[in-house]
Amino acid sequence: MSLLDNAIESIQVGVEDYLVGDSKRYLSAVRNICAGILLLYKEKLCRLSPPHDKEILIKKDIRPIYDDKGNVIFMGTGKKTVDVYEITERFKSLKIIVNWKKFDELNQLRNNIEHYYTDKSPDAVREVIVTSFLLIRDFISEYLEEEPCNVLGEECWHALLKTTDVYQAEEKACRQTFEKCGFESQVLEQILENIRCPFCHSSLIKAKDEFDVFPSLICCSCSESLEIKDVVEEEITSYDDPEAEGSFASCSSCESTDSVVRLGNIWICFSCHIIHDEVGHCGYCNDFIAGDLEDTFWSGCLVCEGQNGHYMNSSSYD
């Protein structure tokens, strides 16, 4: 079993203890979750270790040796691994930022339970446990660069999501992925308010960085991969505009085809990020487009307007 597997198993057992809600099981939860977090930290150090010794950064003792080419390299020696203080020092030099104040509170409680006793009330112990959930979520996402749902398993991850701090952190992370795609606040609010996972109905939808017009999406609650048509499908079925042919239209502002998506009562172009309040049909090609209606008729899409203007200009010279 790998170091990461051990870490996740400890955390999962700790969360199971926490969910029982018994004061004795809370103490067990502290032990397991604290051990699991330390293993997560060691997993990161292993990932940063050089190829010739993938455990060197978790070894307490490191010594220099010559390699086959006569170069000086370092190797870990002995079976003892780094303690909390040494992890702190190595993280500091590697610019890995952890909220050590929160971890120290958990670790101190664990030490008291192991060697002495704790005079904290069950509610106070529970609060320390819940605080540690954010440490787990942040470290897996930021430094292990993995999706917490995939790593922790659905039951464990959902237990963490039920705590306010973890949910808000995940919600913020989802929002930032859309901001990286170039969506500004006015458009972003409409997107986040109206998209839902079709599998678990969560609003925790994250946009992947690489995209043409529509970014690929992932649900941070159930880890399903999604496309934009998936998350607006429920809106499509409830849309009753007799003029509409679906929830996708071409943009009257940037000429992109089928780049406009209906979210709620408005239409957003995922290409130029403009909000359109109305939709209709081009007066020339009858294409379904989003844009501003002029009086009671649709003037035309940019392509047709451009072609028509070119024709009219050419005719004026005849």
C-alpha atoms as a PDB file:
ATOM      1  CA  MET A   1       0.000   0.000   0.000  1.00  0.00           C
ATOM      2  CA  SER A   2       1.382   3.402  -0.969  1.00  0.00           C
ATOM      3  CA  LEU A   3       1.929   6.353   1.336  1.00  0.00           C
ATOM      4  CA  LEU A   4      -1.035   8.154  -0.233  1.00  0.00           C
ATOM      5  CA  ASP A   5      -3.264   5.086   0.206  1.00  0.00           C
ATOM      6  CA  ASN A   6      -2.334   4.959   3.890  1.00  0.00           C
ATOM      7  CA  ALA A   7      -3.056   8.665   4.254  1.00  0.00           C
ATOM      8  CA  ILE A   8      -6.491   8.408   2.652  1.00  0.00           C
ATOM      9  CA  GLU A   9      -7.417   5.296   4.615  1.00  0.00           C
ATOM     10  CA  SER A  10      -6.550   7.044   7.895  1.00  0.00           C
ATOM     11  CA  ILE A  11      -8.586  10.098   6.933  1.00  0.00           C
ATOM     12  CA  GLN A  12     -11.546   7.980   5.818  1.00  0.00           C
ATOM     13  CA  VAL A  13     -11.558   6.034   9.094  1.00  0.00           C
ATOM     14  CA  GLY A  14     -11.289   9.310  11.007  1.00  0.00           C
ATOM     15  CA  VAL A  15     -14.220  10.812   9.124  1.00  0.00           C
ATOM     16  CA  GLU A  16     -16.274   7.652   9.770  1.00  0.00           C
ATOM     17  CA  ASP A  17     -15.524   8.069  13.492  1.00  0.00           C
ATOM     18  CA  TYR A  18     -16.571  11.713  13.285  1.00  0.00           C
ATOM     19  CA  LEU A  19     -19.861  10.865  11.563  1.00  0.00           C
ATOM     20  CA  VAL A  20     -20.868   8.489  14.371  1.00  0.00           C
ATOM     21  CA  GLY A  21     -21.167  11.547  16.591  1.00  0.00           C
ATOM     22  CA  ASP A  22     -20.082   9.800  19.804  1.00  0.00           C
ATOM     23  CA  SER A  23     -17.595  11.621  22.070  1.00  0.00           C
ATOM     24  CA  LYS A  24     -15.311   8.559  22.266  1.00  0.00           C
ATOM     25  CA  ARG A  25     -15.298   8.194  18.522  1.00  0.00           C
ATOM     26  CA  TYR A  26     -14.400  11.880  18.236  1.00  0.00           C
ATOM     27  CA  LEU A  27     -11.127  11.077  20.026  1.00  0.00           C
ATOM     28  CA  SER A  28     -10.469   8.255  17.586  1.00  0.00           C
ATOM     29  CA  ALA A  29     -11.253  10.646  14.728  1.00  0.00           C
ATOM     30  CA  VAL A  30      -8.595  13.061  15.985  1.00  0.00           C
ATOM     31  CA  ARG A  31      -5.933  10.326  16.015  1.00  0.00           C
ATOM     32  CA  ASN A  32      -6.752   9.034  12.544  1.00  0.00           C
ATOM     33  CA  ILE A  33      -7.230  12.391  10.834  1.00  0.00           C
ATOM     34  CA  CYS A  34      -4.024  13.825  12.305  1.00  0.00           C
ATOM     35  CA  ALA A  35      -2.066  10.745  11.185  1.00  0.00           C
ATOM     36  CA  GLY A  36      -3.652  10.966   7.743  1.00  0.00           C
ATOM     37  CA  ILE A  37      -2.740  14.630   7.290  1.00  0.00           C
ATOM     38  CA  LEU A  38       0.881  13.963   8.257  1.00  0.00           C
ATOM     39  CA  LEU A  39       0.993  11.194   5.669  1.00  0.00           C
ATOM     40  CA  LEU A  40      -0.371  13.609   3.055  1.00  0.00           C
ATOM     41  CA  TYR A  41       2.471  15.976   3.898  1.00  0.00           C
ATOM     42  CA  LYS A  42       5.010  13.155   3.558  1.00  0.00           C
ATOM     43  CA  GLU A  43       3.447  12.151   0.238  1.00  0.00           C
ATOM     44  CA  LYS A  44       4.190  15.642  -1.076  1.00  0.00           C
ATOM     45  CA  LEU A  45       7.803  15.384   0.084  1.00  0.00           C
ATOM     46  CA  CYS A  46       8.125  12.044  -1.702  1.00  0.00           C
ATOM     47  CA  ARG A  47       6.771  13.585  -4.901  1.00  0.00           C
ATOM     48  CA  LEU A  48       9.413  16.308  -4.666  1.00  0.00           C
ATOM     49  CA  SER A  49      12.268  13.863  -3.977  1.00  0.00           C
ATOM     50  CA  PRO A  50      14.819  13.269  -6.772  1.00  0.00           C
ATOM     51  CA  PRO A  51      14.521  10.170  -8.995  1.00  0.00           C
ATOM     52  CA  HIS A  52      17.509   8.401  -7.448  1.00  0.00           C
ATOM     53  CA  ASP A  53      15.819   8.290  -4.021  1.00  0.00           C
ATOM     54  CA  LYS A  54      12.064   8.994  -3.980  1.00  0.00           C
ATOM     55  CA  GLU A  55      11.950   8.923  -0.167  1.00  0.00           C
ATOM     56  CA  ILE A  56      14.913  11.123   0.596  1.00  0.00           C
ATOM     57  CA  LEU A  57      12.859  14.135   1.725  1.00  0.00           C
ATOM     58  CA  ILE A  58      10.920  12.110   4.304  1.00  0.00           C
ATOM     59  CA  LYS A  59      14.042  10.558   5.834  1.00  0.00           C
ATOM     60  CA  LYS A  60      15.204  12.051   9.102  1.00  0.00           C
ATOM     61  CA  ASP A  61      18.854  11.417   8.241  1.00  0.00           C
ATOM     62  CA  ILE A  62      20.318  12.411   4.882  1.00  0.00           C
ATOM     63  CA  ARG A  63      23.950  11.752   3.960  1.00  0.00           C
ATOM     64  CA  PRO A  64      26.145  12.606   0.937  1.00  0.00           C
ATOM     65  CA  ILE A  65      27.564   9.821  -1.244  1.00  0.00           C
ATOM     66  CA  TYR A  66      29.267   9.517  -4.628  1.00  0.00           C
ATOM     67  CA  ASP A  67      27.220   8.205  -7.532  1.00  0.00           C
ATOM     68  CA  ASP A  68      28.585   5.996 -10.315  1.00  0.00           C
ATOM     69  CA  LYS A  69      29.957   9.038 -12.149  1.00  0.00           C
ATOM     70  CA  GLY A  70      31.749  10.451  -9.125  1.00  0.00           C
ATOM     71  CA  ASN A  71      29.200  13.185  -8.456  1.00  0.00           C
ATOM     72  CA  VAL A  72      28.128  13.958  -4.913  1.00  0.00           C
ATOM     73  CA  ILE A  73      24.469  13.160  -4.324  1.00  0.00           C
ATOM     74  CA  PHE A  74      22.365  12.781  -1.198  1.00  0.00           C
ATOM     75  CA  MET A  75      20.616   9.649   0.019  1.00  0.00           C
ATOM     76  CA  GLY A  76      18.208   9.028   2.855  1.00  0.00           C
ATOM     77  CA  THR A  77      19.452   6.611   5.495  1.00  0.00           C
ATOM     78  CA  GLY A  78      17.802   4.629   8.296  1.00  0.00           C
ATOM     79  CA  LYS A  79      14.151   3.900   8.939  1.00  0.00           C
ATOM     80  CA  LYS A  80      13.223   7.042  10.878  1.00  0.00           C
ATOM     81  CA  THR A  81      11.150   9.592   9.002  1.00  0.00           C
ATOM     82  CA  VAL A  82      10.686  13.303   9.573  1.00  0.00           C
ATOM     83  CA  ASP A  83       8.612  14.556  12.485  1.00  0.00           C
ATOM     84  CA  VAL A  84       6.276  17.554  12.516  1.00  0.00           C
ATOM     85  CA  TYR A  85       9.063  20.060  13.161  1.00  0.00           C
ATOM     86  CA  GLU A  86      11.181  18.706  10.313  1.00  0.00           C
ATOM     87  CA  ILE A  87       8.207  18.683   7.946  1.00  0.00           C
ATOM     88  CA  THR A  88       7.604  22.324   8.884  1.00  0.00           C
ATOM     89  CA  GLU A  89      11.212  23.247   8.109  1.00  0.00           C
ATOM     90  CA  ARG A  90      11.293  21.392   4.799  1.00  0.00           C
ATOM     91  CA  PHE A  91       7.973  22.890   3.722  1.00  0.00           C
ATOM     92  CA  LYS A  92       9.296  26.335   4.587  1.00  0.00           C
ATOM     93  CA  SER A  93      12.372  25.899   2.346  1.00  0.00           C
ATOM     94  CA  LEU A  94      10.222  24.450  -0.425  1.00  0.00           C
ATOM     95  CA  LYS A  95       7.687  27.309  -0.147  1.00  0.00           C
ATOM     96  CA  ILE A  96       4.818  24.959   0.687  1.00  0.00           C
ATOM     97  CA  ILE A  97       2.313  26.970   2.713  1.00  0.00           C
ATOM     98  CA  VAL A  98       0.213  25.201   5.324  1.00  0.00           C
ATOM     99  CA  ASN A  99      -1.932  26.709   8.064  1.00  0.00           C
ATOM    100  CA  TRP A 100       0.280  25.389  10.841  1.00  0.00           C
ATOM    101  CA  LYS A 101      -1.788  27.102  13.522  1.00  0.00           C
ATOM    102  CA  LYS A 102      -4.781  24.930  12.628  1.00  0.00           C
ATOM    103  CA  PHE A 103      -2.665  21.806  12.334  1.00  0.00           C
ATOM    104  CA  ASP A 104      -0.883  22.465  15.648  1.00  0.00           C
ATOM    105  CA  GLU A 105      -4.242  22.693  17.394  1.00  0.00           C
ATOM    106  CA  LEU A 106      -5.207  19.285  15.999  1.00  0.00           C
ATOM    107  CA  ASN A 107      -1.772  17.786  16.746  1.00  0.00           C
ATOM    108  CA  GLN A 108      -1.739  19.127  20.309  1.00  0.00           C
ATOM    109  CA  LEU A 109      -5.166  17.625  20.908  1.00  0.00           C
ATOM    110  CA  ARG A 110      -3.910  14.305  19.514  1.00  0.00           C
ATOM    111  CA  ASN A 111      -0.872  14.399  21.812  1.00  0.00           C
ATOM    112  CA  ASN A 112      -3.040  15.116  24.836  1.00  0.00           C
ATOM    113  CA  ILE A 113      -5.317  12.209  23.968  1.00  0.00           C
ATOM    114  CA  GLU A 114      -2.377   9.834  23.448  1.00  0.00           C
ATOM    115  CA  HIS A 115      -0.272  10.747  26.483  1.00  0.00           C
ATOM    116  CA  TYR A 116      -2.503  12.484  28.975  1.00  0.00           C
ATOM    117  CA  TYR A 117      -6.151  13.378  28.596  1.00  0.00           C
ATOM    118  CA  THR A 118      -8.187  16.184  27.134  1.00  0.00           C
ATOM    119  CA  ASP A 119     -10.428  18.452  29.116  1.00  0.00           C
ATOM    120  CA  LYS A 120     -12.034  19.791  25.957  1.00  0.00           C
ATOM    121  CA  SER A 121     -15.768  19.280  25.634  1.00  0.00           C
ATOM    122  CA  PRO A 122     -17.072  17.005  22.844  1.00  0.00           C
ATOM    123  CA  ASP A 123     -18.244  20.130  20.986  1.00  0.00           C
ATOM    124  CA  ALA A 124     -14.770  21.673  21.227  1.00  0.00           C
ATOM    125  CA  VAL A 125     -13.171  18.450  19.962  1.00  0.00           C
ATOM    126  CA  ARG A 126     -15.681  18.328  17.128  1.00  0.00           C
ATOM    127  CA  GLU A 127     -14.790  21.905  16.164  1.00  0.00           C
ATOM    128  CA  VAL A 128     -11.092  21.019  15.926  1.00  0.00           C
ATOM    129  CA  ILE A 129     -11.954  18.039  13.711  1.00  0.00           C
ATOM    130  CA  VAL A 130     -14.101  20.133  11.387  1.00  0.00           C
ATOM    131  CA  THR A 131     -11.346  22.745  11.136  1.00  0.00           C
ATOM    132  CA  SER A 132      -8.951  20.026   9.978  1.00  0.00           C
ATOM    133  CA  PHE A 133     -11.228  19.223   7.035  1.00  0.00           C
ATOM    134  CA  LEU A 134     -10.187  22.445   5.329  1.00  0.00           C
ATOM    135  CA  LEU A 135      -6.517  21.508   5.765  1.00  0.00           C
ATOM    136  CA  ILE A 136      -7.209  18.231   3.952  1.00  0.00           C
ATOM    137  CA  ARG A 137      -9.148  19.821   1.109  1.00  0.00           C
ATOM    138  CA  ASP A 138      -6.636  22.628   0.526  1.00  0.00           C
ATOM    139  CA  PHE A 139      -3.573  20.388   0.540  1.00  0.00           C
ATOM    140  CA  ILE A 140      -4.999  17.781  -1.832  1.00  0.00           C
ATOM    141  CA  SER A 141      -6.189  20.453  -4.272  1.00  0.00           C
ATOM    142  CA  GLU A 142      -3.239  22.823  -4.179  1.00  0.00           C
ATOM    143  CA  TYR A 143      -0.164  20.713  -3.508  1.00  0.00           C
ATOM    144  CA  LEU A 144      -1.091  17.214  -4.600  1.00  0.00           C
ATOM    145  CA  GLU A 145      -2.984  18.802  -7.524  1.00  0.00           C
ATOM    146  CA  GLU A 146      -5.761  16.234  -7.455  1.00  0.00           C
ATOM    147  CA  GLU A 147      -9.543  16.384  -7.136  1.00  0.00           C
ATOM    148  CA  PRO A 148     -10.532  15.704  -3.495  1.00  0.00           C
ATOM    149  CA  CYS A 149     -13.597  13.736  -4.589  1.00  0.00           C
ATOM    150  CA  ASN A 150     -11.440  11.300  -6.571  1.00  0.00           C
ATOM    151  CA  VAL A 151      -8.833  10.923  -3.838  1.00  0.00           C
ATOM    152  CA  LEU A 152     -11.049  10.770  -0.744  1.00  0.00           C
ATOM    153  CA  GLY A 153     -14.011   8.844  -2.134  1.00  0.00           C
ATOM    154  CA  GLU A 154     -17.572  10.106  -2.389  1.00  0.00           C
ATOM    155  CA  GLU A 155     -18.738   9.423   1.178  1.00  0.00           C
ATOM    156  CA  CYS A 156     -15.709  10.976   2.828  1.00  0.00           C
ATOM    157  CA  TRP A 157     -15.643  13.980   0.486  1.00  0.00           C
ATOM    158  CA  HIS A 158     -19.342  14.719   0.966  1.00  0.00           C
ATOM    159  CA  ALA A 159     -18.839  14.678   4.725  1.00  0.00           C
ATOM    160  CA  LEU A 160     -16.187  17.362   4.285  1.00  0.00           C
ATOM    161  CA  LEU A 161     -18.386  19.355   1.890  1.00  0.00           C
ATOM    162  CA  LYS A 162     -21.121  19.584   4.514  1.00  0.00           C
ATOM    163  CA  THR A 163     -18.861  21.844   6.579  1.00  0.00           C
ATOM    164  CA  THR A 164     -19.175  25.510   5.683  1.00  0.00           C
ATOM    165  CA  ASP A 165     -15.453  26.286   5.337  1.00  0.00           C
ATOM    166  CA  VAL A 166     -14.768  23.401   2.940  1.00  0.00           C
ATOM    167  CA  TYR A 167     -17.840  24.139   0.834  1.00  0.00           C
ATOM    168  CA  GLN A 168     -16.992  27.819   0.554  1.00  0.00           C
ATOM    169  CA  ALA A 169     -13.383  27.033  -0.362  1.00  0.00           C
ATOM    170  CA  GLU A 170     -14.520  24.640  -3.093  1.00  0.00           C
ATOM    171  CA  GLU A 171     -17.093  27.141  -4.334  1.00  0.00           C
ATOM    172  CA  LYS A 172     -14.413  29.829  -4.561  1.00  0.00           C
ATOM    173  CA  ALA A 173     -12.090  27.479  -6.455  1.00  0.00           C
ATOM    174  CA  CYS A 174     -14.848  26.721  -8.978  1.00  0.00           C
ATOM    175  CA  ARG A 175     -15.485  30.414  -9.506  1.00  0.00           C
ATOM    176  CA  GLN A 176     -11.794  31.107 -10.107  1.00  0.00           C
ATOM    177  CA  THR A 177     -11.636  28.577 -12.942  1.00  0.00           C
ATOM    178  CA  PHE A 178     -14.318  30.524 -14.850  1.00  0.00           C
ATOM    179  CA  GLU A 179     -12.513  33.786 -14.101  1.00  0.00           C
ATOM    180  CA  LYS A 180      -9.392  32.299 -15.730  1.00  0.00           C
ATOM    181  CA  CYS A 181     -11.476  31.666 -18.838  1.00  0.00           C
ATOM    182  CA  GLY A 182     -12.117  35.417 -19.025  1.00  0.00           C
ATOM    183  CA  PHE A 183     -15.656  35.718 -17.672  1.00  0.00           C
ATOM    184  CA  GLU A 184     -16.274  38.938 -15.752  1.00  0.00           C
ATOM    185  CA  SER A 185     -18.415  39.259 -12.650  1.00  0.00           C
ATOM    186  CA  GLN A 186     -21.734  40.151 -14.298  1.00  0.00           C
ATOM    187  CA  VAL A 187     -21.567  37.171 -16.645  1.00  0.00           C
ATOM    188  CA  LEU A 188     -20.023  34.936 -13.996  1.00  0.00           C
ATOM    189  CA  GLU A 189     -22.909  35.432 -11.592  1.00  0.00           C
ATOM    190  CA  GLN A 190     -25.361  34.228 -14.229  1.00  0.00           C
ATOM    191  CA  ILE A 191     -23.251  31.179 -15.053  1.00  0.00           C
ATOM    192  CA  LEU A 192     -22.770  30.062 -11.456  1.00  0.00           C
ATOM    193  CA  GLU A 193     -26.381  30.719 -10.550  1.00  0.00           C
ATOM    194  CA  ASN A 194     -27.803  28.572 -13.329  1.00  0.00           C
ATOM    195  CA  ILE A 195     -25.533  25.580 -13.923  1.00  0.00           C
ATOM    196  CA  ARG A 196     -26.113  22.284 -12.101  1.00  0.00           C
ATOM    197  CA  CYS A 197     -24.633  18.809 -12.400  1.00  0.00           C
ATOM    198  CA  PRO A 198     -27.188  16.486 -14.049  1.00  0.00           C
ATOM    199  CA  PHE A 199     -25.914  13.547 -11.975  1.00  0.00           C
ATOM    200  CA  CYS A 200     -25.867  14.927  -8.409  1.00  0.00           C
ATOM    201  CA  HIS A 201     -27.475  18.396  -8.920  1.00  0.00           C
ATOM    202  CA  SER A 202     -24.506  20.120  -7.305  1.00  0.00           C
ATOM    203  CA  SER A 203     -23.601  23.669  -8.319  1.00  0.00           C
ATOM    204  CA  LEU A 204     -19.902  23.000  -7.686  1.00  0.00           C
ATOM    205  CA  ILE A 205     -18.920  22.963 -11.352  1.00  0.00           C
ATOM    206  CA  LYS A 206     -15.325  23.692 -12.353  1.00  0.00           C
ATOM    207  CA  ALA A 207     -14.111  24.824 -15.784  1.00  0.00           C
ATOM    208  CA  LYS A 208     -10.952  23.297 -17.192  1.00  0.00           C
ATOM    209  CA  ASP A 209      -8.377  25.720 -18.596  1.00  0.00           C
ATOM    210  CA  GLU A 210      -8.173  24.401 -22.153  1.00  0.00           C
ATOM    211  CA  PHE A 211     -11.157  25.276 -24.313  1.00  0.00           C
ATOM    212  CA  ASP A 212     -12.147  26.446 -27.769  1.00  0.00           C
ATOM    213  CA  VAL A 213     -15.433  28.223 -27.152  1.00  0.00           C
ATOM    214  CA  PHE A 214     -16.966  26.074 -24.441  1.00  0.00           C
ATOM    215  CA  PRO A 215     -14.680  24.931 -21.616  1.00  0.00           C
ATOM    216  CA  SER A 216     -14.813  21.311 -20.542  1.00  0.00           C
ATOM    217  CA  LEU A 217     -16.327  21.012 -17.087  1.00  0.00           C
ATOM    218  CA  ILE A 218     -16.019  18.750 -14.061  1.00  0.00           C
ATOM    219  CA  CYS A 219     -18.371  18.376 -11.118  1.00  0.00           C
ATOM    220  CA  CYS A 220     -16.429  18.804  -7.886  1.00  0.00           C
ATOM    221  CA  SER A 221     -19.082  16.954  -5.939  1.00  0.00           C
ATOM    222  CA  CYS A 222     -19.307  13.666  -7.878  1.00  0.00           C
ATOM    223  CA  SER A 223     -16.247  14.083 -10.197  1.00  0.00           C
ATOM    224  CA  GLU A 224     -18.258  13.537 -13.404  1.00  0.00           C
ATOM    225  CA  SER A 225     -16.829  15.123 -16.565  1.00  0.00           C
ATOM    226  CA  LEU A 226     -19.374  17.395 -18.237  1.00  0.00           C
ATOM    227  CA  GLU A 227     -19.963  19.618 -21.222  1.00  0.00           C
ATOM    228  CA  ILE A 228     -21.926  22.860 -21.213  1.00  0.00           C
ATOM    229  CA  LYS A 229     -24.923  21.164 -22.856  1.00  0.00           C
ATOM    230  CA  ASP A 230     -25.087  18.761 -19.889  1.00  0.00           C
ATOM    231  CA  VAL A 231     -25.333  21.431 -17.211  1.00  0.00           C
ATOM    232  CA  VAL A 232     -28.049  23.447 -18.990  1.00  0.00           C
ATOM    233  CA  GLU A 233     -30.126  20.422 -20.034  1.00  0.00           C
ATOM    234  CA  GLU A 234     -32.644  20.954 -17.251  1.00  0.00           C
ATOM    235  CA  GLU A 235     -33.073  24.552 -18.377  1.00  0.00           C
ATOM    236  CA  ILE A 236     -33.659  23.380 -21.940  1.00  0.00           C
ATOM    237  CA  THR A 237     -36.593  21.196 -20.955  1.00  0.00           C
ATOM    238  CA  SER A 238     -38.270  24.025 -19.059  1.00  0.00           C
ATOM    239  CA  TYR A 239     -37.764  26.665 -21.738  1.00  0.00           C
ATOM    240  CA  ASP A 240     -41.107  27.667 -23.249  1.00  0.00           C
ATOM    241  CA  ASP A 241     -40.199  30.460 -25.656  1.00  0.00           C
ATOM    242  CA  PRO A 242     -42.084  29.547 -28.859  1.00  0.00           C
ATOM    243  CA  GLU A 243     -39.404  31.225 -30.984  1.00  0.00           C
ATOM    244  CA  ALA A 244     -36.551  29.223 -29.487  1.00  0.00           C
ATOM    245  CA  GLU A 245     -35.093  26.181 -31.191  1.00  0.00           C
ATOM    246  CA  GLY A 246     -33.083  25.082 -28.171  1.00  0.00           C
ATOM    247  CA  SER A 247     -30.692  26.623 -25.674  1.00  0.00           C
ATOM    248  CA  PHE A 248     -27.898  27.400 -28.134  1.00  0.00           C
ATOM    249  CA  ALA A 249     -27.803  30.265 -30.608  1.00  0.00           C
ATOM    250  CA  SER A 250     -25.308  32.108 -32.785  1.00  0.00           C
ATOM    251  CA  CYS A 251     -23.976  35.444 -31.597  1.00  0.00           C
ATOM    252  CA  SER A 252     -25.010  38.639 -33.360  1.00  0.00           C
ATOM    253  CA  SER A 253     -21.959  40.455 -31.990  1.00  0.00           C
ATOM    254  CA  CYS A 254     -18.996  38.204 -32.783  1.00  0.00           C
ATOM    255  CA  GLU A 255     -20.337  35.922 -35.556  1.00  0.00           C
ATOM    256  CA  SER A 256     -19.616  32.772 -33.527  1.00  0.00           C
ATOM    257  CA  THR A 257     -21.918  29.894 -34.415  1.00  0.00           C
ATOM    258  CA  ASP A 258     -23.913  28.253 -31.624  1.00  0.00           C
ATOM    259  CA  SER A 259     -21.690  29.938 -29.025  1.00  0.00           C
ATOM    260  CA  VAL A 260     -24.569  31.550 -27.107  1.00  0.00           C
ATOM    261  CA  VAL A 261     -26.084  29.577 -24.244  1.00  0.00           C
ATOM    262  CA  ARG A 262     -29.335  30.331 -22.463  1.00  0.00           C
ATOM    263  CA  LEU A 263     -28.836  30.474 -18.695  1.00  0.00           C
ATOM    264  CA  GLY A 264     -31.939  31.453 -16.767  1.00  0.00           C
ATOM    265  CA  ASN A 265     -33.662  34.270 -18.619  1.00  0.00           C
ATOM    266  CA  ILE A 266     -30.629  35.580 -20.480  1.00  0.00           C
ATOM    267  CA  TRP A 267     -28.289  34.436 -23.237  1.00  0.00           C
ATOM    268  CA  ILE A 268     -24.506  34.473 -22.756  1.00  0.00           C
ATOM    269  CA  CYS A 269     -21.974  34.224 -25.551  1.00  0.00           C
ATOM    270  CA  PHE A 270     -19.107  31.988 -24.430  1.00  0.00           C
ATOM    271  CA  SER A 271     -16.950  33.401 -27.229  1.00  0.00           C
ATOM    272  CA  CYS A 272     -17.107  37.163 -26.647  1.00  0.00           C
ATOM    273  CA  HIS A 273     -18.789  36.966 -23.183  1.00  0.00           C
ATOM    274  CA  ILE A 274     -21.563  39.411 -24.096  1.00  0.00           C
ATOM    275  CA  ILE A 275     -24.986  39.077 -22.431  1.00  0.00           C
ATOM    276  CA  HIS A 276     -27.982  39.088 -24.774  1.00  0.00           C
ATOM    277  CA  ASP A 277     -31.501  39.646 -23.480  1.00  0.00           C
ATOM    278  CA  GLU A 278     -33.352  38.502 -26.594  1.00  0.00           C
ATOM    279  CA  VAL A 279     -33.191  35.949 -29.388  1.00  0.00           C
ATOM    280  CA  GLY A 280     -34.727  35.716 -32.826  1.00  0.00           C
ATOM    281  CA  HIS A 281     -34.058  34.704 -36.390  1.00  0.00           C
ATOM    282  CA  CYS A 282     -31.901  36.395 -38.992  1.00  0.00           C
ATOM    283  CA  GLY A 283     -34.101  38.166 -41.524  1.00  0.00           C
ATOM    284  CA  TYR A 284     -31.933  36.855 -44.363  1.00  0.00           C
ATOM    285  CA  CYS A 285     -30.745  33.302 -43.553  1.00  0.00           C
ATOM    286  CA  ASN A 286     -33.242  32.538 -40.747  1.00  0.00           C
ATOM    287  CA  ASP A 287     -30.386  31.384 -38.483  1.00  0.00           C
ATOM    288  CA  PHE A 288     -31.287  31.294 -34.771  1.00  0.00           C
ATOM    289  CA  ILE A 289     -29.284  34.137 -33.235  1.00  0.00           C
ATOM    290  CA  ALA A 290     -29.044  36.105 -29.991  1.00  0.00           C
ATOM    291  CA  GLY A 291     -28.873  39.898 -29.989  1.00  0.00           C
ATOM    292  CA  ASP A 292     -30.898  43.073 -29.675  1.00  0.00           C
ATOM    293  CA  LEU A 293     -34.201  43.126 -31.544  1.00  0.00           C
ATOM    294  CA  GLU A 294     -34.888  46.305 -33.454  1.00  0.00           C
ATOM    295  CA  ASP A 295     -38.524  47.386 -33.132  1.00  0.00           C
ATOM    296  CA  THR A 296     -40.615  44.386 -34.196  1.00  0.00           C
ATOM    297  CA  PHE A 297     -38.290  42.720 -36.697  1.00  0.00           C
ATOM    298  CA  TRP A 298     -34.888  41.093 -36.746  1.00  0.00           C
ATOM    299  CA  SER A 299     -32.470  42.918 -39.016  1.00  0.00           C
ATOM    300  CA  GLY A 300     -29.972  40.111 -39.597  1.00  0.00           C
ATOM    301  CA  CYS A 301     -26.843  38.373 -38.389  1.00  0.00           C
ATOM    302  CA  LEU A 302     -23.437  39.977 -38.893  1.00  0.00           C
ATOM    303  CA  VAL A 303     -22.523  37.637 -41.727  1.00  0.00           C
ATOM    304  CA  CYS A 304     -25.667  38.412 -43.690  1.00  0.00           C
ATOM    305  CA  GLU A 305     -25.554  42.105 -42.836  1.00  0.00           C
ATOM    306  CA  GLY A 306     -21.942  42.188 -44.053  1.00  0.00           C
ATOM    307  CA  GLN A 307     -22.771  40.395 -47.270  1.00  0.00           C
ATOM    308  CA  ASN A 308     -25.823  42.555 -47.831  1.00  0.00           C
ATOM    309  CA  GLY A 309     -23.804  45.706 -47.187  1.00  0.00           C
ATOM    310  CA  HIS A 310     -21.142  44.544 -49.619  1.00  0.00           C
ATOM    311  CA  TYR A 311     -23.837  43.861 -52.235  1.00  0.00           C
ATOM    312  CA  MET A 312     -25.422  47.268 -51.691  1.00  0.00           C
ATOM    313  CA  ASN A 313     -22.026  49.031 -51.956  1.00  0.00           C
ATOM    314  CA  SER A 314     -21.195  47.106 -55.126  1.00  0.00           C
ATOM    315  CA  SER A 315     -24.587  47.971 -56.627  1.00  0.00           C
ATOM    316  CA  SER A 316     -24.031  51.674 -56.052  1.00  0.00           C
ATOM    317  CA  TYR A 317     -21.182  51.650 -58.563  1.00  0.00           C
ATOM    318  CA  ASP A 318     -23.266  49.996 -61.323  1.00  0.00           C
END
